[in-house]
Amino acid sequence: MVWAGLVITTFPVDNPSDPSPPRPVQTKLDAAHVYEIETPLGLGRFAPYRKERMAHETRLRIYWKRVMVWGLILSVGGWLSVAGGLYLFVKHKRDFPEVRFTHMALLPWKLDEYRSAKAEFTLAQGLAAAEAQNWREAFYLLRSVLPQVPEHEEARMIVARVYLMAGRPDQAQAVLVEGLEHQGYRVDYLRTVLGFLFSQQADEAVVELSRDLDRREGGDEAFRRMVLTAEAYAHFNRNRFIEAEAVFARAGLGGTPEARFVAARIAWERGRRDAALASLRQLHSEVPDDAEIHRTLVYYLTEAGRQSELRRVGLALQLARPERPEGYLDFLTGLVAEGDEAEAAEAEADYLRRFADNAGALLRLAERVSAMGRSATVAAVVERLRVKEAREQESATLLLAEAWLAAGEIERVAAMPVAPESWGEASRLTLEGLRAVAFLRQGRALEAESLLWRVTESRRLPANAAVALAGRWQAEGRGEAARRLLERAVEIDPLHQAALVALLRDAVARRALEDKAELATRLATMRKPPEDLLVELKATFVSDNYLFETDRDLTIRALETRLAELRASRG
């Protein structure tokens, strides 16, 4: 019989009673002399080895093919067991339900895929936490995953925002500058970064970032001009007009549209309004597609009460860019301001015909005329959006309620039904706040109080809507509810300047600045704060009534420093 394995013989077992010499080691099986065979675990013919006991010796016979098969089976089984344990641990203990068993079973070959899946899952968790305004959790999740997804703009912006909220603009700058390298110094990403920093009033961070980028080798001419313009804007926002003008002069770009625009705004701030308007008119004629120049010119004309010129600017833009709604809206605003009702009605009808299929343009018309009390126009917009089933219908309905309030049609607002569940919570709260105003005007205080309480207790109302509602409630004699709403708005968005100003003005009027020192200090560090409010705050905190107020001296110094800067900027 031919055996598949190699015969290995162990040491012979000598019989003490046998005086004969030891027998030689046999190399082949002698079946007649084998009287006992042992196999491990009762595997029988599948065993990788067996013991053969004979009269004078015990042999260990190994079957190498079976050894290799069993080694393979045990290795695969052990690997799968370890992989299964890792899979369960990562899935349940590490809270990563998106992990797949193949990630663990084939980890050396699936390592990049596993890291990618883990990064995507962590990224989704971080963005969800930020959406719920759980900034601490969002920060830790997104900061940990950012090295795996360095090109993800939103994650980078959220991490930078949390750094700014924590008072670390240096860290925010580092995160954003690192993103520029991964984005290849793209102008659109730089615009996003600068827009984010400006929205956070982080003007000093903009200055540092711009200077750092200006020293680097990266970006084309358009990139460099945007960097310099951002630095000039940051100085302008802080009333450092000389520094703003010096930015372009230093770079030899004093004649560019960007430099001339900043110079026009500085002239307006210094009281040279005619010069500012003349410069803006020239710029608007040269670059009519620049939306910021157009908005600034329209704002300055409105502030100066030059309604006839506003009409001419709107008409000129209509002729130059008939596809853009801005010109028609500015023209309409001028007509209404001058009291030309017939022309205004005709302009509205023309606008509704021209932009009948543009939901965004229709909403902009409602936004422009709602505060004027032109409810019929807003109602026409709502009807068109309802027929189109456009998502802008929700916002337009809120504007219709505001137009009815402005027009004195209180009963229409009071009769509005409760917002449907399909609306966002912020829109539903805004509508309830507007209905509360209508109930107050009708003398239905009990129904109004129920709505007021519901709105003030929510954290889902945006700060802009909260400020607008607070002003309406204040006018209706509900100052306490208005204060609660403003406090909630400042709590949700600490950098919302309009809410902060309204809250501090109310506190000054009531001589109730207890625990408001930190808010006053915050306002002093913000962009272009109302000088009259700073003066009142300083006078109040200097008085003996607040002698023991926490951080009183720090607040007074901050107010004095900011007032000195504002006065120096006018010189």
Protein backbone atom coordinates (compact mmCIF):
# COMPACT_ATOMS: atom_id res chain seq x y z
CA MET A 1 0.00 0.00 0.00
CA VAL A 2 1.37 3.38 -1.03
CA TRP A 3 1.06 6.18 1.50
CA ALA A 4 0.69 9.84 0.51
CA GLY A 5 2.70 11.11 3.44
CA LEU A 6 6.28 10.98 4.61
CA VAL A 7 6.96 8.60 7.47
CA ILE A 8 8.56 10.23 10.50
CA THR A 9 9.61 7.87 13.22
CA THR A 10 9.87 8.98 16.83
CA PHE A 11 12.40 7.63 19.33
CA PRO A 12 11.99 3.84 19.78
CA VAL A 13 10.33 2.63 22.94
CA ASP A 14 12.62 -0.03 24.47
CA ASN A 15 11.32 -2.99 26.40
CA PRO A 16 13.31 -3.28 29.67
CA SER A 17 12.75 -7.05 29.88
CA ASP A 18 14.11 -7.61 26.40
CA PRO A 19 17.91 -8.03 26.55
CA SER A 20 18.28 -7.77 22.79
CA PRO A 21 19.74 -4.56 21.31
CA PRO A 22 17.42 -1.84 20.00
CA ARG A 23 15.81 -2.49 16.68
CA PRO A 24 16.76 -0.31 13.75
CA VAL A 25 14.39 2.52 12.71
CA GLN A 26 11.99 1.40 10.00
CA THR A 27 11.31 3.77 7.10
CA LYS A 28 8.32 1.94 5.67
CA LEU A 29 5.09 0.82 7.24
CA ASP A 30 4.92 -2.76 8.34
CA ALA A 31 1.19 -3.19 8.81
CA ALA A 32 1.57 -6.48 10.58
CA HIS A 33 3.46 -4.89 13.44
CA VAL A 34 1.03 -1.94 13.98
CA TYR A 35 -1.29 -2.73 16.86
CA GLU A 36 -2.74 0.77 17.63
CA ILE A 37 -3.42 3.93 15.49
CA GLU A 38 -4.44 7.31 17.01
CA THR A 39 -5.84 10.30 15.00
CA PRO A 40 -6.40 13.82 16.50
CA LEU A 41 -9.99 14.83 17.31
CA GLY A 42 -11.36 11.70 15.71
CA LEU A 43 -10.77 13.04 12.22
CA GLY A 44 -10.05 9.59 10.84
CA ARG A 45 -8.92 9.54 7.26
CA PHE A 46 -9.00 13.38 7.14
CA ALA A 47 -6.45 13.77 9.94
CA PRO A 48 -3.24 15.63 8.99
CA TYR A 49 -1.18 13.14 11.02
CA ARG A 50 -1.59 9.98 13.10
CA LYS A 51 0.30 8.01 15.76
CA GLU A 52 1.11 4.40 15.06
CA ARG A 53 2.02 2.34 18.08
CA MET A 54 4.05 -0.80 17.40
CA ALA A 55 5.69 -3.36 19.61
CA HIS A 56 9.00 -1.58 19.99
CA GLU A 57 8.31 1.97 18.83
CA THR A 58 5.76 4.74 18.21
CA ARG A 59 5.68 6.48 14.88
CA LEU A 60 4.21 9.92 13.96
CA ARG A 61 3.07 9.86 10.37
CA ILE A 62 2.43 13.31 8.79
CA TYR A 63 0.40 13.83 5.60
CA TRP A 64 1.74 17.08 4.22
CA LYS A 65 -1.04 17.69 1.70
CA ARG A 66 -3.60 17.38 4.45
CA VAL A 67 -1.50 19.64 6.67
CA MET A 68 -1.54 22.33 3.99
CA VAL A 69 -5.31 21.95 3.49
CA TRP A 70 -5.96 22.13 7.24
CA GLY A 71 -3.57 25.06 7.60
CA LEU A 72 -5.47 26.90 4.88
CA ILE A 73 -8.84 26.09 6.45
CA LEU A 74 -7.75 27.19 9.93
CA SER A 75 -6.08 30.35 8.61
CA VAL A 76 -9.17 31.39 6.65
CA GLY A 77 -11.44 30.56 9.57
CA GLY A 78 -9.29 32.48 12.01
CA TRP A 79 -9.06 35.45 9.65
CA LEU A 80 -12.83 35.51 9.17
CA SER A 81 -13.39 35.23 12.92
CA VAL A 82 -11.09 38.16 13.60
CA ALA A 83 -12.70 40.10 10.76
CA GLY A 84 -16.16 39.37 12.15
CA GLY A 85 -15.13 40.58 15.58
CA LEU A 86 -13.66 43.75 14.13
CA TYR A 87 -16.78 44.28 12.03
CA LEU A 88 -19.10 44.05 15.04
CA PHE A 89 -16.79 46.23 17.14
CA VAL A 90 -16.56 48.99 14.51
CA LYS A 91 -20.25 48.80 13.64
CA HIS A 92 -21.63 48.95 17.18
CA LYS A 93 -18.90 50.22 19.50
CA ARG A 94 -17.48 52.77 17.09
CA ASP A 95 -20.96 53.75 15.86
CA PHE A 96 -20.17 53.23 12.19
CA PRO A 97 -23.21 51.45 10.74
CA GLU A 98 -22.05 52.00 7.16
CA VAL A 99 -19.08 49.66 7.57
CA ARG A 100 -19.17 46.50 5.44
CA PHE A 101 -17.87 43.06 6.36
CA THR A 102 -15.66 43.05 3.28
CA HIS A 103 -13.88 46.14 4.67
CA MET A 104 -12.70 44.09 7.65
CA ALA A 105 -12.24 40.75 5.89
CA LEU A 106 -10.10 42.29 3.14
CA LEU A 107 -8.68 45.17 5.19
CA PRO A 108 -5.16 45.21 3.70
CA TRP A 109 -6.65 45.52 0.23
CA LYS A 110 -9.74 47.57 1.20
CA LEU A 111 -8.01 50.01 3.53
CA ASP A 112 -8.45 53.04 1.25
CA GLU A 113 -12.08 52.15 0.59
CA TYR A 114 -12.71 51.75 4.33
CA ARG A 115 -11.10 55.09 5.09
CA SER A 116 -13.15 56.73 2.37
CA ALA A 117 -16.41 55.24 3.69
CA LYS A 118 -15.51 56.21 7.26
CA ALA A 119 -14.70 59.75 6.15
CA GLU A 120 -17.99 60.09 4.25
CA PHE A 121 -19.96 58.81 7.23
CA THR A 122 -18.17 61.10 9.70
CA LEU A 123 -18.64 64.00 7.30
CA ALA A 124 -22.37 63.35 7.08
CA GLN A 125 -22.59 63.17 10.89
CA GLY A 126 -20.70 66.44 11.26
CA LEU A 127 -22.86 68.27 8.74
CA ALA A 128 -26.02 66.97 10.43
CA ALA A 129 -24.75 68.18 13.80
CA ALA A 130 -24.05 71.61 12.32
CA GLU A 131 -27.55 71.71 10.81
CA ALA A 132 -28.90 71.07 14.32
CA GLN A 133 -26.58 73.82 15.63
CA ASN A 134 -24.72 71.33 17.81
CA TRP A 135 -21.49 73.16 17.12
CA ARG A 136 -19.25 71.27 19.56
CA GLU A 137 -20.04 67.85 18.10
CA ALA A 138 -19.90 69.20 14.55
CA PHE A 139 -16.49 70.73 15.21
CA TYR A 140 -14.91 67.54 16.56
CA LEU A 141 -16.36 65.37 13.81
CA LEU A 142 -15.48 67.67 10.91
CA ARG A 143 -12.05 68.59 12.21
CA SER A 144 -11.17 64.89 12.49
CA VAL A 145 -12.33 64.12 8.97
CA LEU A 146 -10.95 67.21 7.24
CA PRO A 147 -7.53 65.64 6.48
CA GLN A 148 -9.34 62.87 4.55
CA VAL A 149 -11.55 65.30 2.58
CA PRO A 150 -9.48 68.50 2.36
CA GLU A 151 -11.36 69.66 -0.72
CA HIS A 152 -14.79 69.74 1.03
CA GLU A 153 -15.66 73.44 1.29
CA GLU A 154 -18.67 73.25 3.60
CA ALA A 155 -16.87 71.18 6.23
CA ARG A 156 -13.94 73.58 6.17
CA MET A 157 -16.25 76.58 6.54
CA ILE A 158 -18.03 75.07 9.56
CA VAL A 159 -14.73 74.33 11.31
CA ALA A 160 -13.58 77.89 10.64
CA ARG A 161 -16.85 79.31 11.94
CA VAL A 162 -16.57 77.40 15.22
CA TYR A 163 -13.02 78.67 15.63
CA LEU A 164 -14.30 82.21 15.17
CA MET A 165 -17.11 81.63 17.66
CA ALA A 166 -14.49 80.44 20.14
CA GLY A 167 -12.50 83.63 19.63
CA ARG A 168 -9.69 82.01 17.64
CA PRO A 169 -9.52 83.87 14.31
CA ASP A 170 -5.91 82.70 13.95
CA GLN A 171 -7.05 79.07 13.79
CA ALA A 172 -9.88 79.99 11.43
CA GLN A 173 -7.38 81.69 9.15
CA ALA A 174 -5.11 78.63 9.17
CA VAL A 175 -7.99 76.34 8.21
CA LEU A 176 -9.11 78.60 5.38
CA VAL A 177 -5.63 79.21 4.01
CA GLU A 178 -5.01 75.47 3.95
CA GLY A 179 -8.20 75.11 1.91
CA LEU A 180 -6.89 77.57 -0.66
CA GLU A 181 -3.94 75.28 -1.31
CA HIS A 182 -6.22 72.30 -1.84
CA GLN A 183 -8.53 74.34 -4.07
CA GLY A 184 -5.70 75.47 -6.29
CA TYR A 185 -6.14 79.20 -5.53
CA ARG A 186 -9.46 79.34 -7.34
CA VAL A 187 -11.17 82.74 -7.41
CA ASP A 188 -14.59 81.27 -6.63
CA TYR A 189 -13.28 79.51 -3.52
CA LEU A 190 -11.50 82.69 -2.41
CA ARG A 191 -14.79 84.55 -2.88
CA THR A 192 -16.53 81.96 -0.70
CA VAL A 193 -13.87 82.24 2.01
CA LEU A 194 -13.95 86.04 2.03
CA GLY A 195 -17.74 86.12 1.99
CA PHE A 196 -17.80 83.82 4.98
CA LEU A 197 -15.32 85.93 6.93
CA PHE A 198 -17.15 89.15 6.10
CA SER A 199 -20.46 87.61 7.19
CA GLN A 200 -18.83 86.84 10.54
CA GLN A 201 -17.53 90.43 10.79
CA ALA A 202 -14.04 88.96 10.98
CA ASP A 203 -12.45 91.96 9.29
CA GLU A 204 -9.13 91.58 11.11
CA ALA A 205 -8.91 87.98 9.96
CA VAL A 206 -9.55 89.19 6.39
CA VAL A 207 -6.69 91.68 6.67
CA GLU A 208 -4.28 89.02 7.92
CA LEU A 209 -5.40 86.50 5.33
CA SER A 210 -5.12 89.01 2.49
CA ARG A 211 -1.61 90.06 3.50
CA ASP A 212 -0.53 86.43 3.81
CA LEU A 213 -1.92 85.57 0.36
CA ASP A 214 -0.36 88.65 -1.18
CA ARG A 215 3.06 87.38 -0.09
CA ARG A 216 2.48 83.91 -1.54
CA GLU A 217 3.21 82.64 -5.01
CA GLY A 218 -0.20 81.54 -6.22
CA GLY A 219 -3.20 82.71 -8.17
CA ASP A 220 -3.57 84.82 -11.28
CA GLU A 221 -4.14 88.57 -11.63
CA ALA A 222 -7.88 88.30 -10.89
CA PHE A 223 -7.04 86.36 -7.71
CA ARG A 224 -4.57 89.02 -6.58
CA ARG A 225 -6.99 91.89 -7.24
CA MET A 226 -9.67 90.16 -5.21
CA VAL A 227 -7.22 89.71 -2.35
CA LEU A 228 -6.35 93.43 -2.35
CA THR A 229 -9.99 94.46 -2.65
CA ALA A 230 -10.89 92.31 0.32
CA GLU A 231 -8.18 93.92 2.44
CA ALA A 232 -9.41 97.38 1.46
CA TYR A 233 -13.02 96.45 2.29
CA ALA A 234 -11.95 95.13 5.69
CA HIS A 235 -10.25 98.43 6.52
CA PHE A 236 -13.28 100.34 5.21
CA ASN A 237 -15.64 98.31 7.41
CA ARG A 238 -13.62 99.38 10.44
CA ASN A 239 -13.56 103.04 9.35
CA ARG A 240 -9.83 102.91 8.63
CA PHE A 241 -10.20 104.91 5.44
CA ILE A 242 -6.56 105.92 5.04
CA GLU A 243 -5.42 102.31 5.26
CA ALA A 244 -8.11 101.27 2.76
CA GLU A 245 -6.91 103.81 0.18
CA ALA A 246 -3.29 102.84 0.79
CA VAL A 247 -3.90 99.20 -0.16
CA PHE A 248 -4.51 99.98 -3.85
CA ALA A 249 -1.90 102.73 -3.97
CA ARG A 250 0.74 100.34 -2.65
CA ALA A 251 -0.06 97.84 -5.39
CA GLY A 252 -0.31 100.46 -8.16
CA LEU A 253 -4.01 99.70 -8.77
CA GLY A 254 -5.50 103.05 -7.85
CA GLY A 255 -7.32 103.40 -11.18
CA THR A 256 -9.10 100.04 -11.15
CA PRO A 257 -12.90 99.86 -10.72
CA GLU A 258 -12.41 98.19 -7.35
CA ALA A 259 -10.25 101.04 -6.04
CA ARG A 260 -12.61 103.70 -7.39
CA PHE A 261 -15.61 101.95 -5.83
CA VAL A 262 -13.95 101.88 -2.40
CA ALA A 263 -12.98 105.54 -2.82
CA ALA A 264 -16.60 106.43 -3.63
CA ARG A 265 -17.85 104.71 -0.50
CA ILE A 266 -15.23 106.47 1.60
CA ALA A 267 -16.32 109.82 0.14
CA TRP A 268 -19.93 109.05 1.11
CA GLU A 269 -18.92 108.14 4.65
CA ARG A 270 -16.97 111.39 4.95
CA GLY A 271 -20.01 113.42 3.93
CA ARG A 272 -18.97 114.18 0.32
CA ARG A 273 -22.15 112.70 -1.09
CA ASP A 274 -22.21 114.50 -4.44
CA ALA A 275 -18.69 113.31 -5.24
CA ALA A 276 -19.58 109.77 -4.20
CA LEU A 277 -22.69 109.70 -6.41
CA ALA A 278 -20.81 111.15 -9.38
CA SER A 279 -18.14 108.45 -9.08
CA LEU A 280 -20.72 105.69 -8.73
CA ARG A 281 -22.66 106.92 -11.77
CA GLN A 282 -19.50 106.75 -13.87
CA LEU A 283 -18.64 103.29 -12.56
CA HIS A 284 -22.18 102.04 -13.18
CA SER A 285 -22.04 103.19 -16.79
CA GLU A 286 -18.67 101.43 -17.29
CA VAL A 287 -19.54 98.13 -15.58
CA PRO A 288 -23.35 97.82 -15.59
CA ASP A 289 -23.17 94.12 -14.72
CA ASP A 290 -21.53 94.72 -11.35
CA ALA A 291 -24.38 94.03 -8.91
CA GLU A 292 -22.60 95.55 -5.91
CA ILE A 293 -22.01 98.88 -7.65
CA HIS A 294 -25.65 98.94 -8.73
CA ARG A 295 -26.99 98.14 -5.25
CA THR A 296 -24.78 100.79 -3.65
CA LEU A 297 -25.83 103.46 -6.15
CA VAL A 298 -29.52 102.65 -5.62
CA TYR A 299 -29.10 102.72 -1.84
CA TYR A 300 -27.31 106.07 -1.89
CA LEU A 301 -29.91 107.60 -4.22
CA THR A 302 -32.69 106.39 -1.92
CA GLU A 303 -30.90 107.78 1.13
CA ALA A 304 -30.44 111.14 -0.61
CA GLY A 305 -34.11 111.22 -1.63
CA ARG A 306 -33.29 111.47 -5.35
CA GLN A 307 -36.25 109.46 -6.59
CA SER A 308 -36.30 110.92 -10.09
CA GLU A 309 -32.68 109.90 -10.62
CA LEU A 310 -33.50 106.46 -9.23
CA ARG A 311 -36.12 106.14 -11.94
CA ARG A 312 -33.58 107.12 -14.60
CA VAL A 313 -31.05 104.60 -13.31
CA GLY A 314 -33.68 101.88 -13.37
CA LEU A 315 -34.80 102.81 -16.87
CA ALA A 316 -31.21 102.85 -18.16
CA LEU A 317 -30.59 99.38 -16.72
CA GLN A 318 -33.79 98.11 -18.35
CA LEU A 319 -32.53 99.26 -21.74
CA ALA A 320 -29.03 97.88 -21.20
CA ARG A 321 -30.02 94.57 -19.58
CA PRO A 322 -33.73 93.88 -20.31
CA GLU A 323 -33.44 90.32 -18.95
CA ARG A 324 -32.51 91.47 -15.42
CA PRO A 325 -35.30 92.38 -12.95
CA GLU A 326 -33.27 94.96 -10.98
CA GLY A 327 -33.89 97.80 -13.41
CA TYR A 328 -37.67 97.27 -13.41
CA LEU A 329 -37.78 97.08 -9.61
CA ASP A 330 -35.75 100.27 -9.17
CA PHE A 331 -37.94 102.06 -11.68
CA LEU A 332 -41.05 100.90 -9.83
CA THR A 333 -39.61 102.01 -6.48
CA GLY A 334 -39.02 105.50 -7.84
CA LEU A 335 -42.58 105.72 -9.19
CA VAL A 336 -44.13 104.69 -5.88
CA ALA A 337 -41.91 107.11 -3.94
CA GLU A 338 -43.02 109.97 -6.18
CA GLY A 339 -46.68 109.02 -5.82
CA ASP A 340 -47.23 108.23 -9.50
CA GLU A 341 -49.81 105.52 -8.90
CA ALA A 342 -50.96 105.10 -12.51
CA GLU A 343 -47.41 104.62 -13.79
CA ALA A 344 -46.60 102.32 -10.87
CA ALA A 345 -49.60 100.06 -11.60
CA GLU A 346 -48.60 99.88 -15.25
CA ALA A 347 -45.01 99.06 -14.31
CA GLU A 348 -46.20 96.26 -12.01
CA ALA A 349 -48.41 94.76 -14.73
CA ASP A 350 -45.54 94.90 -17.21
CA TYR A 351 -43.23 93.20 -14.70
CA LEU A 352 -45.74 90.40 -14.04
CA ARG A 353 -46.05 89.75 -17.77
CA ARG A 354 -42.34 89.94 -18.51
CA PHE A 355 -41.22 87.64 -15.67
CA ALA A 356 -44.28 85.41 -15.48
CA ASP A 357 -42.17 82.23 -15.73
CA ASN A 358 -39.41 83.36 -13.38
CA ALA A 359 -40.37 82.38 -9.82
CA GLY A 360 -37.31 84.05 -8.32
CA ALA A 361 -38.04 87.36 -10.05
CA LEU A 362 -41.69 87.21 -8.95
CA LEU A 363 -40.60 86.72 -5.34
CA ARG A 364 -38.29 89.72 -5.61
CA LEU A 365 -41.22 91.86 -6.71
CA ALA A 366 -43.18 90.74 -3.64
CA GLU A 367 -40.20 91.54 -1.42
CA ARG A 368 -39.88 95.02 -2.88
CA VAL A 369 -43.53 96.08 -2.63
CA SER A 370 -44.73 94.27 0.51
CA ALA A 371 -43.44 96.99 2.86
CA MET A 372 -45.21 99.57 0.67
CA GLY A 373 -48.55 97.94 1.47
CA ARG A 374 -49.22 96.99 -2.16
CA SER A 375 -51.06 93.83 -1.19
CA ALA A 376 -52.83 93.37 -4.52
CA THR A 377 -49.50 93.00 -6.30
CA VAL A 378 -48.19 90.56 -3.72
CA ALA A 379 -51.45 88.56 -3.95
CA ALA A 380 -50.99 88.35 -7.72
CA VAL A 381 -47.48 87.00 -7.17
CA VAL A 382 -48.73 84.41 -4.67
CA GLU A 383 -51.40 83.21 -7.10
CA ARG A 384 -48.90 82.80 -9.93
CA LEU A 385 -46.52 80.87 -7.69
CA ARG A 386 -49.39 78.69 -6.44
CA VAL A 387 -50.33 77.75 -10.00
CA LYS A 388 -46.69 76.97 -10.76
CA GLU A 389 -46.39 75.01 -7.46
CA ALA A 390 -43.12 76.84 -6.93
CA ARG A 391 -41.23 76.49 -3.66
CA GLU A 392 -41.15 80.31 -3.42
CA GLN A 393 -44.89 80.24 -2.63
CA GLU A 394 -44.13 79.80 1.09
CA SER A 395 -42.04 82.98 1.31
CA ALA A 396 -44.48 84.91 -0.87
CA THR A 397 -47.38 84.02 1.46
CA LEU A 398 -45.47 85.49 4.41
CA LEU A 399 -44.83 88.64 2.36
CA LEU A 400 -48.54 88.84 1.62
CA ALA A 401 -49.30 88.83 5.35
CA GLU A 402 -46.77 91.65 5.83
CA ALA A 403 -48.32 93.61 2.96
CA TRP A 404 -51.79 93.24 4.50
CA LEU A 405 -50.47 94.52 7.83
CA ALA A 406 -48.79 97.48 6.11
CA ALA A 407 -52.01 98.25 4.24
CA GLY A 408 -54.11 97.98 7.40
CA GLU A 409 -56.03 94.92 6.20
CA ILE A 410 -55.85 93.32 9.65
CA GLU A 411 -58.82 91.03 9.26
CA ARG A 412 -57.19 89.25 6.33
CA VAL A 413 -54.12 88.38 8.40
CA ALA A 414 -56.23 87.26 11.37
CA ALA A 415 -58.26 85.00 9.08
CA MET A 416 -55.21 83.27 7.60
CA PRO A 417 -55.21 79.53 8.35
CA VAL A 418 -52.49 77.78 10.30
CA ALA A 419 -49.47 77.06 8.12
CA PRO A 420 -49.46 73.55 6.65
CA GLU A 421 -47.06 70.92 7.95
CA SER A 422 -45.19 71.01 4.64
CA TRP A 423 -43.84 74.44 5.56
CA GLY A 424 -40.56 74.79 7.37
CA GLU A 425 -40.76 75.47 11.08
CA ALA A 426 -39.21 78.94 10.68
CA SER A 427 -41.94 79.94 8.22
CA ARG A 428 -44.68 78.57 10.44
CA LEU A 429 -43.35 80.54 13.41
CA THR A 430 -43.09 83.73 11.35
CA LEU A 431 -46.70 83.40 10.24
CA GLU A 432 -47.83 82.85 13.84
CA GLY A 433 -45.93 85.97 14.88
CA LEU A 434 -47.66 88.03 12.18
CA ARG A 435 -51.06 86.64 13.13
CA ALA A 436 -50.32 87.61 16.74
CA VAL A 437 -49.86 91.22 15.58
CA ALA A 438 -53.23 91.11 13.85
CA PHE A 439 -54.91 89.67 16.96
CA LEU A 440 -53.38 92.41 19.12
CA ARG A 441 -54.69 95.09 16.82
CA GLN A 442 -58.14 93.50 17.00
CA GLY A 443 -58.02 93.37 20.78
CA ARG A 444 -57.93 89.57 20.91
CA ALA A 445 -55.22 89.50 23.58
CA LEU A 446 -55.77 85.91 24.76
CA GLU A 447 -55.29 84.42 21.29
CA ALA A 448 -52.32 86.70 20.69
CA GLU A 449 -50.57 85.71 23.92
CA SER A 450 -50.77 82.04 23.02
CA LEU A 451 -49.01 82.71 19.72
CA LEU A 452 -46.48 85.05 21.32
CA TRP A 453 -45.47 82.42 23.85
CA ARG A 454 -45.10 79.73 21.19
CA VAL A 455 -42.85 81.90 19.02
CA THR A 456 -40.62 83.16 21.84
CA GLU A 457 -40.03 79.67 23.21
CA SER A 458 -38.77 78.27 19.91
CA ARG A 459 -35.14 78.22 18.80
CA ARG A 460 -35.99 77.71 15.14
CA LEU A 461 -36.86 81.30 14.24
CA PRO A 462 -34.08 83.00 12.22
CA ALA A 463 -32.59 86.13 13.74
CA ASN A 464 -33.71 88.36 10.86
CA ALA A 465 -37.33 87.29 11.28
CA ALA A 466 -37.04 87.65 15.07
CA VAL A 467 -35.87 91.26 14.78
CA ALA A 468 -38.69 92.16 12.40
CA LEU A 469 -41.33 90.53 14.62
CA ALA A 470 -39.87 92.12 17.76
CA GLY A 471 -40.25 95.55 16.20
CA ARG A 472 -43.90 94.88 15.40
CA TRP A 473 -44.62 93.49 18.86
CA GLN A 474 -42.91 96.48 20.48
CA ALA A 475 -45.16 98.81 18.50
CA GLU A 476 -48.20 96.90 19.77
CA GLY A 477 -47.14 97.35 23.40
CA ARG A 478 -45.74 93.86 23.95
CA GLY A 479 -42.27 94.93 25.02
CA GLU A 480 -41.60 91.96 27.27
CA ALA A 481 -42.33 89.44 24.51
CA ALA A 482 -40.23 91.50 22.09
CA ARG A 483 -37.30 91.43 24.53
CA ARG A 484 -37.52 87.68 24.96
CA LEU A 485 -37.53 87.27 21.20
CA LEU A 486 -34.47 89.52 20.79
CA GLU A 487 -32.62 87.71 23.57
CA ARG A 488 -33.32 84.40 21.88
CA ALA A 489 -32.11 85.82 18.56
CA VAL A 490 -28.82 87.00 20.12
CA GLU A 491 -28.43 83.65 21.83
CA ILE A 492 -28.86 81.79 18.55
CA ASP A 493 -26.69 84.16 16.50
CA PRO A 494 -24.28 86.12 18.72
CA LEU A 495 -23.06 88.12 15.71
CA HIS A 496 -26.45 89.38 14.57
CA GLN A 497 -25.86 93.10 14.94
CA ALA A 498 -29.42 94.29 14.32
CA ALA A 499 -30.78 92.08 17.12
CA LEU A 500 -27.99 93.16 19.46
CA VAL A 501 -28.59 96.86 18.73
CA ALA A 502 -32.36 96.53 19.24
CA LEU A 503 -31.86 94.66 22.53
CA LEU A 504 -29.38 97.23 23.90
CA ARG A 505 -31.52 100.20 22.82
CA ASP A 506 -34.42 98.70 24.72
CA ALA A 507 -32.23 98.13 27.79
CA VAL A 508 -30.91 101.72 27.68
CA ALA A 509 -34.44 103.11 27.37
CA ARG A 510 -35.52 101.13 30.44
CA ARG A 511 -32.27 101.82 32.35
CA ALA A 512 -31.91 98.07 32.75
CA LEU A 513 -28.36 97.27 31.70
CA GLU A 514 -27.70 94.72 34.42
CA ASP A 515 -25.82 91.77 32.94
CA LYS A 516 -25.52 93.62 29.63
CA ALA A 517 -21.87 94.62 29.93
CA GLU A 518 -20.69 91.69 27.81
CA LEU A 519 -23.21 92.57 25.08
CA ALA A 520 -22.10 96.22 25.11
CA THR A 521 -18.46 95.13 24.76
CA ARG A 522 -19.41 92.86 21.90
CA LEU A 523 -21.19 95.70 20.09
CA ALA A 524 -18.14 97.94 20.50
CA THR A 525 -16.04 95.39 18.61
CA MET A 526 -18.51 95.00 15.74
CA ARG A 527 -18.64 96.70 12.37
CA LYS A 528 -19.92 100.30 12.22
CA PRO A 529 -21.95 100.32 15.46
CA PRO A 530 -24.42 103.21 16.00
CA GLU A 531 -22.36 105.99 17.56
CA ASP A 532 -25.30 107.44 19.49
CA LEU A 533 -25.94 104.08 21.15
CA LEU A 534 -22.28 103.74 22.13
CA VAL A 535 -22.41 107.19 23.72
CA GLU A 536 -25.51 106.28 25.71
CA LEU A 537 -24.01 102.98 26.82
CA LYS A 538 -20.83 104.65 28.00
CA ALA A 539 -22.72 107.34 29.91
CA THR A 540 -24.85 104.71 31.60
CA PHE A 541 -22.00 102.42 32.64
CA VAL A 542 -19.90 105.34 33.90
CA SER A 543 -22.66 106.30 36.34
CA ASP A 544 -22.58 105.05 39.92
CA ASN A 545 -25.63 102.86 39.30
CA TYR A 546 -23.37 100.25 37.68
CA LEU A 547 -20.32 100.71 39.91
CA PHE A 548 -20.23 97.01 40.83
CA GLU A 549 -21.26 95.60 37.44
CA THR A 550 -19.08 92.70 36.32
CA ASP A 551 -16.49 93.70 33.67
CA ARG A 552 -17.65 97.34 33.92
CA ASP A 553 -14.17 98.80 33.44
CA LEU A 554 -13.45 96.55 30.47
CA THR A 555 -16.72 97.60 28.85
CA ILE A 556 -16.05 101.30 29.39
CA ARG A 557 -12.58 101.03 27.85
CA ALA A 558 -13.95 99.16 24.83
CA LEU A 559 -16.65 101.81 24.31
CA GLU A 560 -14.16 104.66 24.64
CA THR A 561 -11.74 103.05 22.20
CA ARG A 562 -14.45 102.47 19.62
CA LEU A 563 -15.82 106.00 19.95
CA ALA A 564 -12.35 107.42 19.46
CA GLU A 565 -11.92 105.35 16.28
CA LEU A 566 -15.26 106.53 14.89
CA ARG A 567 -14.43 110.18 15.57
CA ALA A 568 -10.98 109.85 14.07
CA SER A 569 -12.39 108.35 10.87
CA ARG A 570 -14.36 111.53 10.20
CA GLY A 571 -11.25 113.66 10.35
